[in-house]
Amino acid sequence: MYFLDEKEIREFEIIRLIGTEKKYWPISEISHILNYNLDAVYKALDDIALYLAKNAPGTQLIIKKGIGAYLKKNDDLPVDAIIEKYMTSSVAYLLLDSTFNYPHLRARQFYEQHFITKSTFYLKLKRLQKVLHKSHLGIQTNPLRITGPEIWVRECYYHLYWLVYKGRTWPFRSISREVLVYELDEFLRKVDVYVNAIEKEQLLYRLAVKYMRHAQKRYVEEMILQDCVPPQVTQFIRDYGESLINDVPAQHKDLEEKYLTIAISNLMYPKARDSTATGLIAWHRQQQTLPYTIAASFFEEFTKCYPDIIIEDNDHLWLDFINANFYGLSLPYLYIYQDVRAQADYFKTENPGLWMVLDKITMHLFDPKRLKHVSAPPIYFCYKYMVLILERFAMKKYEPRLQVALFTSQDNAILNKLKSQILRKLDLNIEISTQDIPKIVDLIISETTTVSGNSDCVFIWNFPPTQGDWVRLEERLKGIRDGKLGGMD
């Protein structure tokens, strides 16, 4: 939610939280989960209640002292719809949307049309300028316009609309979705590639942004790493995607074709046939492109850490890594990289050992003193590499192994059932002994206190185990695992 201010972000997060369950949320619980002080939460709830009363008919925020806050809404109204309306009513969103749709609109026209005072407008504008500056973009006021390299501007707009709508709504008022669907379907039919519903909608959003910029006579005039686009790819665009760039003047076609490789490669490259992938990899290897040499350096370090993993020269994984590198090097300043940490943490929690290895390698590879080329932050590459590796290899076996002894006063059938449940429920590298206590044991699990051993290594739970028992056990084992990782630093 990069374009919202602190107050709006706080209200957005509260709406999203209390919309997850139909219940009264204690104010202290909201404060604890979102890490806001109580006064800030109370103030935000009051403002949310006023906003909903004015802008969301049939929706009400009920606040009861000593009980909590409850978001009352119709069952058929998703919380996402409420959040979408909230975000699109912010001044910052309206500003960005206006720069996209009305390139001749001037500052005074904007704040008069939206009944905003001049001082409020320039206060919001100043904050938005700071946000865009982090992405190496700027914003003019007369007329209202985002400035910067064209491919960065387009990516800014794409992520704005996808972040807010995620395909639920078609936000491009002057562009026919039906026409774009037809053109995209024809392209996908020719190249014989299947994309799922979400991937297709993402491609449609990107194409809509591109067409709107073309209509405003905004074309790609510079592109980092344009020499890293294989001729097979540009020829592919010419052969099958001519309808996607037929509105481009001849002098701009070359770079517009290469821009499309950024716009569609994240979705199309992973689906490339092995024979196609082999040719693309060979071209990058022969040319020693920067995306390739970074991938080569990564695989060299990675296989030192995991010597039993073999990655052949023509392995499709090469193309996936080259593509991730190409994107992160071509678009180094995207604001979305600021949100990658939360996505990365989702994978890091289950694979901390792998994350530790990847973090060390990527911090070295993308050290500005070493790379001498501007790039996305290392965490972007660490996250992308981790996703690709986990999709390809079973990495759980490389995480620290936990030696567990399991005992029960029940019969063997129950013992075996408990063992299988532990292995199924807990996504950890666990070896379970049910016969005796190994010489080196990390944890002894039982529902009886009669088991022998170091009390610090004993975990007592109920039979049958409760949900709370499973939560406690997972936390205990993860704590042991993380302790072993700490000793590996």
Protein backbone atom coordinates (compact mmCIF):
# COMPACT_ATOMS: atom_id res chain seq x y z
CA MET A 1 0.00 0.00 0.00
CA TYR A 2 2.88 2.28 -0.88
CA PHE A 3 0.75 5.28 -1.91
CA LEU A 4 -1.30 5.51 1.31
CA ASP A 5 -0.14 7.74 4.15
CA GLU A 6 0.43 6.48 7.70
CA LYS A 7 -3.11 7.20 8.83
CA GLU A 8 -4.61 5.50 5.77
CA ILE A 9 -2.34 2.47 6.12
CA ARG A 10 -3.40 2.08 9.76
CA GLU A 11 -7.09 2.23 8.83
CA PHE A 12 -6.55 -0.12 5.86
CA GLU A 13 -4.85 -2.73 8.07
CA ILE A 14 -7.58 -2.52 10.70
CA ILE A 15 -10.36 -2.98 8.12
CA ARG A 16 -8.53 -5.96 6.64
CA LEU A 17 -8.00 -7.55 10.08
CA ILE A 18 -11.49 -7.15 11.52
CA GLY A 19 -12.98 -8.30 8.22
CA THR A 20 -11.34 -11.73 8.50
CA GLU A 21 -13.80 -12.98 11.16
CA LYS A 22 -17.39 -12.17 12.08
CA LYS A 23 -16.81 -11.33 15.73
CA TYR A 24 -16.18 -8.48 18.13
CA TRP A 25 -12.46 -7.80 18.09
CA PRO A 26 -11.12 -6.61 21.46
CA ILE A 27 -9.27 -3.33 20.97
CA SER A 28 -6.28 -4.73 22.87
CA GLU A 29 -6.12 -7.65 20.39
CA ILE A 30 -6.14 -5.30 17.40
CA SER A 31 -3.44 -3.23 19.07
CA HIS A 32 -1.29 -6.28 19.75
CA ILE A 33 -1.64 -7.90 16.31
CA LEU A 34 -0.99 -4.71 14.33
CA ASN A 35 1.47 -3.18 16.79
CA TYR A 36 -0.38 0.13 17.19
CA ASN A 37 -0.97 1.83 20.53
CA LEU A 38 -4.51 1.79 21.92
CA ASP A 39 -5.15 5.50 21.35
CA ALA A 40 -4.18 5.17 17.68
CA VAL A 41 -6.52 2.18 17.25
CA TYR A 42 -9.47 3.98 18.89
CA LYS A 43 -8.92 7.05 16.69
CA ALA A 44 -8.64 4.90 13.56
CA LEU A 45 -11.83 3.00 14.43
CA ASP A 46 -13.75 6.24 14.84
CA ASP A 47 -12.51 7.46 11.45
CA ILE A 48 -13.32 4.11 9.81
CA ALA A 49 -16.85 4.24 11.24
CA LEU A 50 -17.36 7.71 9.74
CA TYR A 51 -15.93 6.64 6.39
CA LEU A 52 -18.17 3.55 6.15
CA ALA A 53 -21.25 5.55 7.13
CA LYS A 54 -20.60 7.96 4.24
CA ASN A 55 -19.25 5.63 1.58
CA ALA A 56 -20.38 2.04 2.21
CA PRO A 57 -24.16 1.63 2.41
CA GLY A 58 -25.17 -1.55 4.23
CA THR A 59 -21.84 -1.67 6.05
CA GLN A 60 -21.35 -0.54 9.63
CA LEU A 61 -18.54 -0.57 12.17
CA ILE A 62 -20.02 -1.23 15.61
CA ILE A 63 -17.80 -0.24 18.55
CA LYS A 64 -18.82 -1.36 22.04
CA LYS A 65 -16.85 -0.17 25.02
CA GLY A 66 -15.27 -3.07 26.90
CA ILE A 67 -16.19 -5.54 24.16
CA GLY A 68 -14.54 -4.46 20.93
CA ALA A 69 -15.18 -3.62 17.28
CA TYR A 70 -17.35 -5.56 14.83
CA LEU A 71 -17.55 -5.02 11.08
CA LYS A 72 -21.19 -5.57 10.13
CA LYS A 73 -21.72 -6.20 6.44
CA ASN A 74 -23.78 -8.25 4.02
CA ASP A 75 -22.47 -11.80 3.54
CA ASP A 76 -22.25 -11.29 -0.23
CA LEU A 77 -20.01 -8.23 0.17
CA PRO A 78 -16.34 -9.31 0.32
CA VAL A 79 -13.95 -7.38 2.53
CA ASP A 80 -11.77 -6.89 -0.54
CA ALA A 81 -14.51 -4.76 -2.08
CA ILE A 82 -14.58 -2.51 1.00
CA ILE A 83 -10.79 -2.22 0.97
CA GLU A 84 -10.78 -1.51 -2.76
CA LYS A 85 -13.22 1.35 -2.35
CA TYR A 86 -11.24 2.69 0.60
CA MET A 87 -7.96 2.74 -1.35
CA THR A 88 -9.46 4.27 -4.47
CA SER A 89 -10.94 7.14 -2.46
CA SER A 90 -7.52 8.25 -1.21
CA VAL A 91 -6.13 11.47 -2.69
CA ALA A 92 -2.88 9.74 -3.63
CA TYR A 93 -4.69 7.07 -5.67
CA LEU A 94 -6.88 9.69 -7.35
CA LEU A 95 -3.75 11.64 -8.25
CA LEU A 96 -1.96 8.64 -9.75
CA ASP A 97 -5.08 7.52 -11.59
CA SER A 98 -5.52 11.02 -13.02
CA THR A 99 -1.96 11.13 -14.32
CA PHE A 100 -2.71 7.90 -16.18
CA ASN A 101 -6.13 8.74 -17.61
CA TYR A 102 -6.02 12.52 -18.03
CA PRO A 103 -2.55 13.58 -19.23
CA HIS A 104 -3.64 17.19 -19.81
CA LEU A 105 -5.24 17.71 -16.40
CA ARG A 106 -3.73 20.55 -14.37
CA ALA A 107 -3.30 20.71 -10.60
CA ARG A 108 -6.01 23.31 -10.01
CA GLN A 109 -8.52 21.37 -12.10
CA PHE A 110 -7.78 18.25 -10.05
CA TYR A 111 -8.29 19.69 -6.58
CA GLU A 112 -11.37 21.66 -7.62
CA GLN A 113 -12.96 18.58 -9.24
CA HIS A 114 -12.34 16.51 -6.10
CA PHE A 115 -13.31 19.29 -3.67
CA ILE A 116 -9.86 19.29 -2.05
CA THR A 117 -8.31 22.42 -0.65
CA LYS A 118 -5.18 23.69 -2.33
CA SER A 119 -3.13 23.19 0.85
CA THR A 120 -4.33 19.57 1.25
CA PHE A 121 -3.54 18.86 -2.39
CA TYR A 122 0.04 20.08 -2.14
CA LEU A 123 0.55 18.30 1.18
CA LYS A 124 -0.55 14.99 -0.39
CA LEU A 125 1.44 15.74 -3.53
CA LYS A 126 4.63 16.34 -1.53
CA ARG A 127 4.31 12.94 0.15
CA LEU A 128 3.58 11.22 -3.17
CA GLN A 129 6.64 12.88 -4.70
CA LYS A 130 8.78 11.35 -1.94
CA VAL A 131 7.30 7.91 -2.60
CA LEU A 132 7.87 8.15 -6.36
CA HIS A 133 11.37 9.52 -5.83
CA LYS A 134 12.32 6.22 -4.17
CA SER A 135 11.41 4.57 -7.48
CA HIS A 136 13.44 7.21 -9.36
CA LEU A 137 10.25 8.69 -10.77
CA GLY A 138 8.84 12.19 -10.47
CA ILE A 139 5.49 13.92 -10.84
CA GLN A 140 4.70 17.17 -12.65
CA THR A 141 1.71 19.30 -11.78
CA ASN A 142 0.89 21.31 -14.89
CA PRO A 143 -0.16 19.06 -16.45
CA LEU A 144 -0.26 16.22 -13.92
CA ARG A 145 2.16 13.62 -15.20
CA ILE A 146 4.55 10.95 -13.88
CA THR A 147 8.03 11.40 -15.29
CA GLY A 148 10.90 8.97 -15.71
CA PRO A 149 12.04 6.14 -17.99
CA GLU A 150 9.01 4.81 -19.84
CA ILE A 151 9.35 1.16 -18.82
CA TRP A 152 9.57 2.21 -15.15
CA VAL A 153 6.49 4.43 -15.53
CA ARG A 154 4.50 1.59 -17.09
CA GLU A 155 5.53 -0.85 -14.39
CA CYS A 156 4.51 1.72 -11.78
CA TYR A 157 1.01 1.96 -13.26
CA TYR A 158 0.68 -1.80 -13.70
CA HIS A 159 1.52 -2.49 -10.06
CA LEU A 160 -0.74 0.34 -8.89
CA TYR A 161 -3.81 -1.11 -10.58
CA TRP A 162 -2.98 -4.73 -9.83
CA LEU A 163 -2.28 -3.92 -6.17
CA VAL A 164 -5.67 -2.24 -5.80
CA TYR A 165 -7.94 -4.39 -7.99
CA LYS A 166 -6.17 -7.75 -8.53
CA GLY A 167 -8.42 -8.50 -11.47
CA ARG A 168 -11.70 -8.02 -9.60
CA THR A 169 -12.46 -4.83 -11.53
CA TRP A 170 -11.41 -3.53 -14.94
CA PRO A 171 -10.02 -0.09 -14.02
CA PHE A 172 -9.15 1.10 -17.53
CA ARG A 173 -12.13 3.22 -18.45
CA SER A 174 -11.12 4.13 -22.01
CA ILE A 175 -9.84 0.70 -23.04
CA SER A 176 -12.13 -2.16 -24.05
CA ARG A 177 -11.39 -5.31 -22.10
CA GLU A 178 -13.20 -7.38 -24.73
CA VAL A 179 -10.89 -6.17 -27.51
CA LEU A 180 -7.78 -6.93 -25.45
CA VAL A 181 -9.12 -10.36 -24.50
CA TYR A 182 -9.59 -11.17 -28.19
CA GLU A 183 -6.07 -10.01 -29.10
CA LEU A 184 -4.48 -11.86 -26.19
CA ASP A 185 -6.44 -15.05 -26.89
CA GLU A 186 -5.27 -14.93 -30.52
CA PHE A 187 -1.66 -14.49 -29.41
CA LEU A 188 -1.84 -17.35 -26.90
CA ARG A 189 -3.52 -19.59 -29.47
CA LYS A 190 -0.74 -18.94 -32.01
CA VAL A 191 2.04 -19.67 -29.54
CA ASP A 192 0.14 -22.61 -28.01
CA VAL A 193 0.67 -21.48 -24.41
CA TYR A 194 -1.82 -21.93 -21.58
CA VAL A 195 -2.13 -19.33 -18.82
CA ASN A 196 -4.48 -19.56 -15.87
CA ALA A 197 -7.16 -16.96 -15.11
CA ILE A 198 -4.96 -14.82 -12.84
CA GLU A 199 -1.99 -14.89 -15.22
CA LYS A 200 -4.27 -13.91 -18.08
CA GLU A 201 -5.69 -10.98 -16.13
CA GLN A 202 -2.17 -9.79 -15.29
CA LEU A 203 -1.27 -9.85 -18.98
CA LEU A 204 -4.43 -7.89 -19.79
CA TYR A 205 -3.56 -5.24 -17.20
CA ARG A 206 -0.05 -4.89 -18.65
CA LEU A 207 -1.39 -4.62 -22.20
CA ALA A 208 -3.94 -2.02 -21.12
CA VAL A 209 -1.21 0.13 -19.57
CA LYS A 210 0.90 -0.24 -22.72
CA TYR A 211 -1.97 0.73 -25.06
CA MET A 212 -2.89 3.75 -22.94
CA ARG A 213 0.70 4.99 -23.01
CA HIS A 214 0.81 4.47 -26.77
CA ALA A 215 -2.40 6.47 -27.15
CA GLN A 216 -0.64 9.31 -25.33
CA LYS A 217 2.36 8.99 -27.70
CA ARG A 218 4.58 7.65 -24.89
CA TYR A 219 7.02 5.09 -26.22
CA VAL A 220 10.05 3.28 -24.84
CA GLU A 221 13.12 5.33 -25.76
CA GLU A 222 15.70 3.75 -23.48
CA MET A 223 16.03 0.34 -21.90
CA ILE A 224 18.65 -1.07 -19.59
CA LEU A 225 20.02 -4.39 -20.87
CA GLN A 226 18.41 -4.09 -24.29
CA ASP A 227 21.38 -6.06 -25.63
CA CYS A 228 20.42 -8.94 -23.33
CA VAL A 229 17.24 -9.76 -25.25
CA PRO A 230 17.85 -12.84 -27.45
CA PRO A 231 17.07 -12.33 -31.15
CA GLN A 232 14.86 -15.44 -30.96
CA VAL A 233 12.60 -13.53 -28.56
CA THR A 234 12.23 -10.39 -30.67
CA GLN A 235 11.61 -12.57 -33.72
CA PHE A 236 8.99 -14.46 -31.72
CA ILE A 237 7.23 -11.15 -30.95
CA ARG A 238 7.35 -10.15 -34.63
CA ASP A 239 6.00 -13.50 -35.79
CA TYR A 240 3.22 -13.94 -33.27
CA GLY A 241 2.67 -10.66 -31.43
CA GLU A 242 2.46 -8.16 -34.26
CA SER A 243 -1.09 -7.24 -33.25
CA LEU A 244 0.20 -6.28 -29.79
CA ILE A 245 2.44 -3.53 -31.20
CA ASN A 246 0.80 -2.58 -34.49
CA ASP A 247 0.03 0.91 -33.15
CA VAL A 248 3.74 1.73 -32.65
CA PRO A 249 5.64 4.01 -35.07
CA ALA A 250 8.47 2.26 -36.90
CA GLN A 251 11.23 4.18 -35.11
CA HIS A 252 10.04 2.86 -31.74
CA LYS A 253 9.21 -0.74 -32.66
CA ASP A 254 12.57 -2.29 -31.78
CA LEU A 255 12.52 -1.14 -28.15
CA GLU A 256 8.78 -1.74 -27.81
CA GLU A 257 9.35 -5.36 -28.91
CA LYS A 258 12.08 -5.71 -26.34
CA TYR A 259 9.88 -4.07 -23.69
CA LEU A 260 7.33 -6.82 -24.26
CA THR A 261 9.94 -9.33 -23.11
CA ILE A 262 9.81 -7.66 -19.69
CA ALA A 263 6.03 -7.39 -19.71
CA ILE A 264 5.34 -11.02 -20.58
CA SER A 265 8.50 -12.98 -19.75
CA ASN A 266 7.62 -13.58 -16.09
CA LEU A 267 4.59 -15.53 -17.26
CA MET A 268 5.77 -16.91 -20.61
CA TYR A 269 9.36 -18.01 -19.95
CA PRO A 270 8.48 -20.59 -17.28
CA LYS A 271 6.14 -22.19 -19.82
CA ALA A 272 8.73 -22.31 -22.62
CA ARG A 273 9.31 -25.78 -24.05
CA ASP A 274 12.61 -27.40 -23.12
CA SER A 275 13.89 -27.14 -26.70
CA THR A 276 13.13 -23.41 -26.76
CA ALA A 277 14.65 -22.91 -23.32
CA THR A 278 17.85 -24.70 -24.40
CA GLY A 279 18.30 -22.29 -27.32
CA LEU A 280 17.73 -19.21 -25.16
CA ILE A 281 20.13 -20.45 -22.49
CA ALA A 282 22.77 -21.19 -25.12
CA TRP A 283 22.47 -17.66 -26.54
CA HIS A 284 22.86 -16.05 -23.10
CA ARG A 285 25.84 -18.32 -22.38
CA GLN A 286 27.51 -17.49 -25.68
CA GLN A 287 26.95 -13.75 -25.21
CA GLN A 288 27.89 -13.93 -21.51
CA THR A 289 25.02 -11.57 -20.69
CA LEU A 290 24.89 -10.09 -17.21
CA PRO A 291 21.72 -12.01 -16.23
CA TYR A 292 23.50 -15.21 -17.29
CA THR A 293 26.82 -14.56 -15.54
CA ILE A 294 25.00 -13.76 -12.30
CA ALA A 295 23.04 -17.02 -12.60
CA ALA A 296 26.27 -18.90 -13.28
CA SER A 297 27.94 -17.38 -10.21
CA PHE A 298 24.92 -18.26 -8.12
CA PHE A 299 24.80 -21.90 -9.23
CA GLU A 300 28.52 -22.25 -8.58
CA GLU A 301 28.11 -21.11 -4.97
CA PHE A 302 24.83 -22.96 -4.49
CA THR A 303 26.21 -26.34 -5.57
CA LYS A 304 29.15 -25.90 -3.20
CA CYS A 305 26.61 -25.82 -0.37
CA TYR A 306 24.50 -28.65 -1.84
CA PRO A 307 27.00 -30.82 -3.78
CA ASP A 308 24.50 -33.62 -4.45
CA ILE A 309 22.23 -31.26 -6.44
CA ILE A 310 23.12 -31.42 -10.14
CA ILE A 311 22.02 -28.62 -12.47
CA GLU A 312 22.74 -29.45 -16.11
CA ASP A 313 23.81 -26.77 -18.61
CA ASN A 314 20.50 -26.96 -20.48
CA ASP A 315 18.30 -27.21 -17.38
CA HIS A 316 15.18 -25.02 -17.65
CA LEU A 317 16.14 -23.60 -14.25
CA TRP A 318 18.86 -21.57 -15.99
CA LEU A 319 16.23 -19.71 -18.02
CA ASP A 320 14.11 -19.09 -14.91
CA PHE A 321 17.08 -17.56 -13.11
CA ILE A 322 18.15 -15.52 -16.16
CA ASN A 323 14.61 -14.17 -16.39
CA ALA A 324 14.48 -13.24 -12.69
CA ASN A 325 17.83 -11.48 -13.03
CA PHE A 326 16.76 -9.67 -16.20
CA TYR A 327 13.66 -8.28 -14.45
CA GLY A 328 15.50 -7.22 -11.29
CA LEU A 329 18.26 -5.54 -13.30
CA SER A 330 15.92 -3.86 -15.81
CA LEU A 331 13.56 -2.49 -13.15
CA PRO A 332 15.83 -1.80 -10.17
CA TYR A 333 13.76 0.76 -8.28
CA LEU A 334 10.23 -0.62 -8.09
CA TYR A 335 8.41 0.26 -4.87
CA ILE A 336 7.00 -3.29 -4.73
CA TYR A 337 10.43 -4.51 -3.64
CA GLN A 338 9.65 -2.88 -0.29
CA ASP A 339 6.88 -5.46 0.22
CA VAL A 340 8.98 -8.51 -0.72
CA ARG A 341 10.07 -9.02 2.89
CA ALA A 342 6.60 -10.20 3.95
CA GLN A 343 6.44 -12.66 1.02
CA ALA A 344 9.95 -13.88 1.75
CA ASP A 345 9.15 -14.47 5.41
CA TYR A 346 6.38 -16.86 4.35
CA PHE A 347 8.99 -19.18 2.80
CA LYS A 348 11.78 -18.39 5.24
CA THR A 349 9.79 -19.67 8.22
CA GLU A 350 9.62 -23.19 6.77
CA ASN A 351 13.09 -23.24 5.19
CA PRO A 352 15.38 -21.15 7.39
CA GLY A 353 18.50 -23.13 6.50
CA LEU A 354 18.00 -22.62 2.79
CA TRP A 355 17.20 -18.95 3.35
CA MET A 356 20.44 -18.51 5.27
CA VAL A 357 22.42 -19.93 2.35
CA LEU A 358 20.59 -17.89 -0.30
CA ASP A 359 20.79 -14.70 1.73
CA LYS A 360 24.56 -15.05 2.05
CA ILE A 361 25.04 -15.74 -1.67
CA THR A 362 22.76 -12.97 -2.93
CA MET A 363 24.18 -10.38 -0.55
CA HIS A 364 27.58 -11.15 -2.10
CA LEU A 365 26.40 -11.29 -5.72
CA PHE A 366 24.46 -8.04 -5.55
CA ASP A 367 26.86 -6.06 -3.41
CA PRO A 368 27.04 -2.69 -5.26
CA LYS A 369 30.81 -2.60 -4.79
CA ARG A 370 31.10 -5.90 -6.64
CA LEU A 371 28.31 -5.78 -9.23
CA LYS A 372 28.94 -2.26 -10.61
CA HIS A 373 25.41 -2.28 -12.02
CA VAL A 374 22.26 -0.95 -10.41
CA SER A 375 19.85 -3.71 -9.39
CA ALA A 376 16.84 -4.52 -7.27
CA PRO A 377 17.69 -5.10 -3.58
CA PRO A 378 19.23 -8.51 -2.75
CA ILE A 379 16.09 -9.63 -0.92
CA TYR A 380 14.18 -9.60 -4.23
CA PHE A 381 16.64 -12.04 -5.78
CA CYS A 382 16.81 -14.11 -2.60
CA TYR A 383 13.03 -14.47 -2.63
CA LYS A 384 12.80 -15.27 -6.36
CA TYR A 385 15.63 -17.79 -6.16
CA MET A 386 14.06 -19.47 -3.15
CA VAL A 387 10.70 -19.87 -4.88
CA LEU A 388 12.35 -21.36 -7.99
CA ILE A 389 14.51 -23.76 -5.99
CA LEU A 390 11.65 -24.96 -3.80
CA GLU A 391 9.52 -25.58 -6.89
CA ARG A 392 12.27 -27.76 -8.32
CA PHE A 393 14.03 -29.52 -5.43
CA ALA A 394 12.96 -31.20 -2.19
CA MET A 395 14.98 -29.02 0.18
CA LYS A 396 13.46 -30.06 3.50
CA LYS A 397 16.03 -32.83 3.93
CA TYR A 398 18.79 -30.22 4.05
CA GLU A 399 17.29 -28.41 7.02
CA PRO A 400 18.70 -29.32 10.48
CA ARG A 401 17.56 -32.85 11.39
CA LEU A 402 15.60 -33.15 14.63
CA GLN A 403 15.95 -36.41 16.58
CA VAL A 404 12.69 -37.13 18.38
CA ALA A 405 11.67 -40.00 20.65
CA LEU A 406 7.93 -40.73 20.86
CA PHE A 407 6.30 -42.75 23.62
CA THR A 408 2.72 -43.38 24.68
CA SER A 409 0.86 -45.48 27.23
CA GLN A 410 -1.55 -46.42 24.43
CA ASP A 411 -1.09 -49.42 22.10
CA ASN A 412 1.19 -49.64 19.06
CA ALA A 413 -1.55 -48.69 16.63
CA ILE A 414 -1.94 -45.35 18.45
CA LEU A 415 1.84 -44.92 18.61
CA ASN A 416 2.16 -45.34 14.84
CA LYS A 417 -0.80 -43.03 14.26
CA LEU A 418 0.81 -40.30 16.38
CA LYS A 419 4.10 -40.73 14.53
CA SER A 420 2.45 -40.33 11.12
CA GLN A 421 0.48 -37.30 12.35
CA ILE A 422 3.65 -35.56 13.54
CA LEU A 423 5.38 -36.16 10.21
CA ARG A 424 2.33 -35.01 8.26
CA LYS A 425 1.36 -31.96 10.30
CA LEU A 426 4.80 -30.50 10.98
CA ASP A 427 6.79 -29.36 7.97
CA LEU A 428 10.15 -30.11 9.58
CA ASN A 429 13.06 -32.49 8.99
CA ILE A 430 12.21 -34.96 11.79
CA GLU A 431 13.45 -38.46 12.53
CA ILE A 432 11.23 -40.23 15.07
CA SER A 433 12.26 -43.18 17.25
CA THR A 434 9.48 -45.18 18.90
CA GLN A 435 11.58 -48.05 20.33
CA ASP A 436 14.11 -46.37 22.56
CA ILE A 437 15.74 -43.03 23.29
CA PRO A 438 18.66 -42.31 20.92
CA LYS A 439 21.99 -41.30 22.46
CA ILE A 440 21.51 -37.85 20.92
CA VAL A 441 17.91 -36.75 21.23
CA ASP A 442 16.42 -33.31 20.75
CA LEU A 443 12.99 -33.95 22.23
CA ILE A 444 11.06 -36.75 23.96
CA ILE A 445 7.30 -36.60 23.38
CA SER A 446 4.79 -38.40 25.58
CA GLU A 447 1.49 -37.92 27.40
CA THR A 448 2.94 -39.46 30.56
CA THR A 449 5.56 -38.07 32.91
CA THR A 450 7.03 -41.51 33.56
CA VAL A 451 9.45 -41.27 30.62
CA SER A 452 13.07 -41.01 31.63
CA GLY A 453 15.56 -38.46 30.40
CA ASN A 454 16.60 -34.87 30.81
CA SER A 455 13.47 -32.93 31.77
CA ASP A 456 14.57 -30.10 29.46
CA CYS A 457 14.18 -32.50 26.54
CA VAL A 458 10.71 -33.78 27.51
CA PHE A 459 7.49 -32.50 25.97
CA ILE A 460 4.28 -33.58 27.70
CA TRP A 461 1.04 -33.38 25.75
CA ASN A 462 -2.50 -34.73 26.02
CA PHE A 463 -4.00 -37.80 24.48
CA PRO A 464 -5.51 -37.29 22.06
CA PRO A 465 -3.40 -34.19 21.33
CA THR A 466 -5.32 -30.93 21.35
CA GLN A 467 -4.91 -28.14 18.81
CA GLY A 468 -2.99 -26.25 21.47
CA ASP A 469 -0.65 -29.23 21.88
CA TRP A 470 0.16 -29.19 18.17
CA VAL A 471 0.87 -25.45 18.28
CA ARG A 472 3.14 -25.86 21.33
CA LEU A 473 4.95 -28.81 19.78
CA GLU A 474 5.60 -26.99 16.53
CA GLU A 475 6.91 -23.95 18.38
CA ARG A 476 9.15 -26.12 20.56
CA LEU A 477 10.64 -28.03 17.61
CA LYS A 478 11.15 -24.88 15.54
CA GLY A 479 12.92 -23.33 18.49
CA ILE A 480 15.29 -26.33 18.64
CA ARG A 481 15.83 -26.16 14.87
CA ASP A 482 16.57 -22.43 14.96
CA GLY A 483 19.03 -23.03 17.80
CA LYS A 484 20.91 -25.48 15.59
CA LEU A 485 20.92 -22.97 12.74
CA GLY A 486 22.35 -20.37 15.09
CA GLY A 487 25.31 -22.64 15.69
CA MET A 488 25.91 -22.83 11.92
CA ASP A 489 26.46 -19.09 11.43
